[in-house]
Amino acid sequence: MNIIRLVSLLEENGFPVDYAYGADFSPRMVQTAQQEARVSLPPTLAGKLSFYVARNERLLDDLAATRATPPEDLVGSFDLVVGVNTFRYCHRLGKGPACAADIYRLLRPGGVCINIDMNDRFPAFRSRFKDATRDPAEVYIPSLEEYASPFKTAGFEIITKENFCWIPHSAGAALTLSCRLASPLLNLVARSHAMRSLVVARRPT
């Protein structure tokens, strides 16, 4: 869903896409995304978009394996890498640094990584009752600094590190309008408690 919309926005705003890869660890999700792209995109744009089964914590090796190419062929070949609601799982596995290092290798010098994930300070993401019955590692949400730290370690320049967004992704028209109107005030008084954490990092030129 994210990459299908992203490639459309890039093309609409004058940034032609040579190729784009979508990755997920679930073969079923990959198959569904392939079908969605064929339905949602013009044939010329859909032909530039490919989907692969790949885990975040082994992104480079898994992409290379599913494409049947050496990992070296992918190194330095991307301008942009975007992750939405993915990096916290690497953190829970203790693989955050490995994932950030793979992204660093995939990007060309000057390439950018955008990471969007849950904010641990947003109260609705927490349920003391549910969390008490589960493995703490399975429900752990990193802090904003914990999201950013692996990218710093990998050698990235951190461009943006902030919390944002007060609109639930499943909101209807009325709730979206209400949250949009309230966002300036909420950002003023409680920005650190917004729904999402955002880290934008650049590989140095």
Protein backbone atom coordinates (compact mmCIF):
# COMPACT_ATOMS: atom_id res chain seq x y z
CA MET A 1 0.00 0.00 0.00
CA ASN A 2 2.72 2.47 0.94
CA ILE A 3 4.99 1.92 -2.03
CA ILE A 4 2.12 1.85 -4.53
CA ARG A 5 1.05 5.29 -3.34
CA LEU A 6 4.63 6.52 -3.13
CA VAL A 7 5.57 5.72 -6.72
CA SER A 8 2.37 7.41 -7.89
CA LEU A 9 3.19 10.57 -5.91
CA LEU A 10 6.75 10.68 -7.22
CA GLU A 11 5.62 10.40 -10.83
CA GLU A 12 2.83 12.97 -10.34
CA ASN A 13 5.34 15.46 -8.91
CA GLY A 14 7.90 15.12 -11.68
CA PHE A 15 10.27 12.57 -10.14
CA PRO A 16 10.36 9.69 -12.62
CA VAL A 17 10.88 6.26 -11.08
CA ASP A 18 13.33 3.90 -12.78
CA TYR A 19 12.38 0.97 -10.57
CA ALA A 20 10.92 0.35 -7.11
CA TYR A 21 10.99 -2.68 -4.83
CA GLY A 22 8.48 -3.56 -2.14
CA ALA A 23 9.51 -6.08 0.51
CA ASP A 24 7.67 -8.09 3.14
CA PHE A 25 8.52 -11.23 5.08
CA SER A 26 5.13 -12.77 4.19
CA PRO A 27 4.77 -14.44 0.76
CA ARG A 28 1.02 -13.96 0.97
CA MET A 29 1.41 -10.22 1.54
CA VAL A 30 3.80 -10.01 -1.42
CA GLN A 31 1.32 -11.80 -3.65
CA THR A 32 -1.49 -9.48 -2.54
CA ALA A 33 0.67 -6.41 -3.18
CA GLN A 34 1.48 -7.62 -6.70
CA GLN A 35 -2.22 -7.96 -7.45
CA GLU A 36 -2.98 -4.54 -5.94
CA ALA A 37 -0.28 -2.87 -8.04
CA ARG A 38 -1.67 -4.33 -11.26
CA VAL A 39 -5.13 -2.99 -10.40
CA SER A 40 -4.12 0.41 -9.00
CA LEU A 41 -1.32 1.59 -11.29
CA PRO A 42 -1.03 2.31 -15.02
CA PRO A 43 0.72 -0.60 -16.78
CA THR A 44 3.88 1.44 -17.47
CA LEU A 45 4.26 2.34 -13.79
CA ALA A 46 3.21 -1.09 -12.51
CA GLY A 47 5.96 -2.57 -14.68
CA LYS A 48 8.57 -0.60 -12.71
CA LEU A 49 7.39 -2.00 -9.38
CA SER A 50 8.48 -5.42 -8.10
CA PHE A 51 7.72 -7.17 -4.81
CA TYR A 52 10.02 -9.54 -2.95
CA VAL A 53 9.93 -11.72 0.13
CA ALA A 54 12.59 -10.24 2.40
CA ARG A 55 13.03 -9.77 6.13
CA ASN A 56 14.00 -6.37 7.50
CA GLU A 57 16.81 -7.83 9.58
CA ARG A 58 18.37 -9.48 6.46
CA LEU A 59 17.22 -7.01 3.86
CA LEU A 60 20.21 -6.99 1.52
CA ASP A 61 20.83 -10.75 1.51
CA ASP A 62 17.13 -11.63 1.20
CA LEU A 63 16.55 -9.17 -1.65
CA ALA A 64 19.56 -10.56 -3.47
CA ALA A 65 18.45 -14.17 -2.90
CA THR A 66 14.89 -13.63 -4.14
CA ARG A 67 16.21 -11.75 -7.19
CA ALA A 68 18.84 -14.44 -7.78
CA THR A 69 21.62 -11.84 -7.96
CA PRO A 70 24.78 -11.30 -5.86
CA PRO A 71 24.29 -8.84 -2.98
CA GLU A 72 27.05 -6.67 -4.47
CA ASP A 73 24.79 -5.91 -7.45
CA LEU A 74 22.37 -4.08 -5.15
CA VAL A 75 24.95 -2.11 -3.17
CA GLY A 76 24.66 1.63 -3.83
CA SER A 77 21.75 1.22 -6.25
CA PHE A 78 18.90 2.99 -4.40
CA ASP A 79 18.07 6.67 -4.00
CA LEU A 80 15.39 6.18 -1.35
CA VAL A 81 14.44 3.54 1.21
CA VAL A 82 11.17 3.92 3.13
CA GLY A 83 10.04 1.80 6.07
CA VAL A 84 6.59 2.14 7.64
CA ASN A 85 5.79 0.22 10.84
CA THR A 86 8.76 -2.13 10.32
CA PHE A 87 11.78 -1.03 12.33
CA ARG A 88 10.40 -1.80 15.77
CA TYR A 89 10.43 -5.49 14.90
CA CYS A 90 14.16 -5.32 14.12
CA HIS A 91 14.65 -3.60 17.46
CA ARG A 92 12.79 -6.34 19.30
CA LEU A 93 15.02 -8.94 17.64
CA GLY A 94 18.14 -6.97 18.49
CA LYS A 95 18.78 -6.54 14.75
CA GLY A 96 18.33 -2.78 14.45
CA PRO A 97 22.02 -2.09 13.72
CA ALA A 98 22.15 -4.87 11.09
CA CYS A 99 19.06 -3.49 9.34
CA ALA A 100 20.39 0.07 9.35
CA ALA A 101 23.75 -1.17 8.01
CA ASP A 102 22.00 -2.99 5.14
CA ILE A 103 20.03 0.14 4.26
CA TYR A 104 23.28 2.12 4.31
CA ARG A 105 24.81 -0.31 1.82
CA LEU A 106 21.74 -0.30 -0.43
CA LEU A 107 21.70 3.50 -0.72
CA ARG A 108 23.95 5.45 -3.04
CA PRO A 109 25.97 8.29 -1.44
CA GLY A 110 23.45 11.06 -0.77
CA GLY A 111 20.57 8.56 -0.69
CA VAL A 112 17.88 8.96 1.95
CA CYS A 113 16.12 6.59 4.35
CA ILE A 114 12.73 7.50 5.84
CA ASN A 115 11.57 5.46 8.81
CA ILE A 116 8.07 5.87 10.30
CA ASP A 117 6.92 3.77 13.24
CA MET A 118 4.89 3.80 16.46
CA ASN A 119 5.70 6.34 19.16
CA ASP A 120 6.18 4.71 22.57
CA ARG A 121 4.78 7.83 24.26
CA PHE A 122 1.42 7.76 22.46
CA PRO A 123 -0.95 6.47 25.16
CA ALA A 124 -3.36 4.57 22.91
CA PHE A 125 -0.57 2.21 21.82
CA ARG A 126 -0.33 0.96 25.40
CA SER A 127 -2.60 -1.44 27.22
CA ARG A 128 -1.35 -2.40 30.68
CA PHE A 129 -3.81 -5.26 30.88
CA LYS A 130 -2.86 -6.79 27.50
CA ASP A 131 0.85 -6.07 27.91
CA ALA A 132 0.91 -7.81 31.29
CA THR A 133 -0.16 -11.10 29.68
CA ARG A 134 2.45 -11.07 26.89
CA ASP A 135 6.20 -11.34 26.54
CA PRO A 136 7.55 -7.79 27.13
CA ALA A 137 9.85 -8.15 24.10
CA GLU A 138 6.82 -8.74 21.86
CA VAL A 139 5.05 -5.52 22.85
CA TYR A 140 8.07 -3.25 23.31
CA ILE A 141 7.94 0.00 21.34
CA PRO A 142 11.27 1.82 20.95
CA SER A 143 11.74 5.46 21.90
CA LEU A 144 12.49 8.06 19.25
CA GLU A 145 16.16 7.96 20.21
CA GLU A 146 16.19 4.16 19.96
CA TYR A 147 14.79 4.38 16.44
CA ALA A 148 17.50 6.86 15.44
CA SER A 149 20.50 5.28 17.20
CA PRO A 150 21.15 2.37 14.76
CA PHE A 151 21.21 4.79 11.83
CA LYS A 152 23.76 6.98 13.61
CA THR A 153 25.87 3.90 14.33
CA ALA A 154 25.69 2.83 10.67
CA GLY A 155 27.15 6.18 9.61
CA PHE A 156 24.03 8.05 8.54
CA GLU A 157 23.51 11.77 8.93
CA ILE A 158 20.24 12.28 10.83
CA ILE A 159 18.22 14.96 9.00
CA THR A 160 14.97 14.76 10.96
CA LYS A 161 14.07 13.09 14.25
CA GLU A 162 10.61 13.95 15.57
CA ASN A 163 7.17 12.78 16.55
CA PHE A 164 4.21 13.65 14.35
CA CYS A 165 0.67 12.70 13.23
CA TRP A 166 -2.53 12.76 15.26
CA ILE A 167 -4.75 11.10 12.64
CA PRO A 168 -5.32 7.31 12.96
CA HIS A 169 -4.71 5.48 9.68
CA SER A 170 -8.20 3.93 9.90
CA ALA A 171 -9.99 7.23 10.61
CA GLY A 172 -13.11 8.09 8.65
CA ALA A 173 -13.86 11.50 7.17
CA ALA A 174 -15.28 13.03 10.36
CA LEU A 175 -12.49 11.83 12.65
CA THR A 176 -9.84 12.83 10.10
CA LEU A 177 -11.25 16.36 9.94
CA SER A 178 -11.47 16.63 13.73
CA CYS A 179 -7.91 15.39 14.23
CA ARG A 180 -6.60 17.65 11.47
CA LEU A 181 -8.20 20.71 13.09
CA ALA A 182 -6.83 19.74 16.52
CA SER A 183 -3.31 18.92 15.26
CA PRO A 184 -1.78 22.42 15.50
CA LEU A 185 -2.80 22.73 19.15
CA LEU A 186 -1.74 19.15 19.97
CA ASN A 187 1.62 19.75 18.31
CA LEU A 188 2.06 22.88 20.41
CA VAL A 189 1.30 21.31 23.77
CA ALA A 190 2.11 17.59 23.37
CA ARG A 191 4.12 16.92 20.21
CA SER A 192 6.29 14.29 21.89
CA HIS A 193 3.12 12.21 22.45
CA ALA A 194 2.01 12.18 18.79
CA MET A 195 1.21 8.84 17.18
CA ARG A 196 4.30 8.33 15.05
CA SER A 197 8.06 8.55 15.29
CA LEU A 198 9.89 9.82 12.23
CA VAL A 199 13.60 9.40 11.47
CA VAL A 200 14.96 10.71 8.18
CA ALA A 201 18.61 9.85 7.56
CA ARG A 202 21.01 10.50 4.67
CA ARG A 203 24.03 8.50 3.62
CA PRO A 204 26.86 11.05 3.42
CA THR A 205 28.11 11.93 -0.05
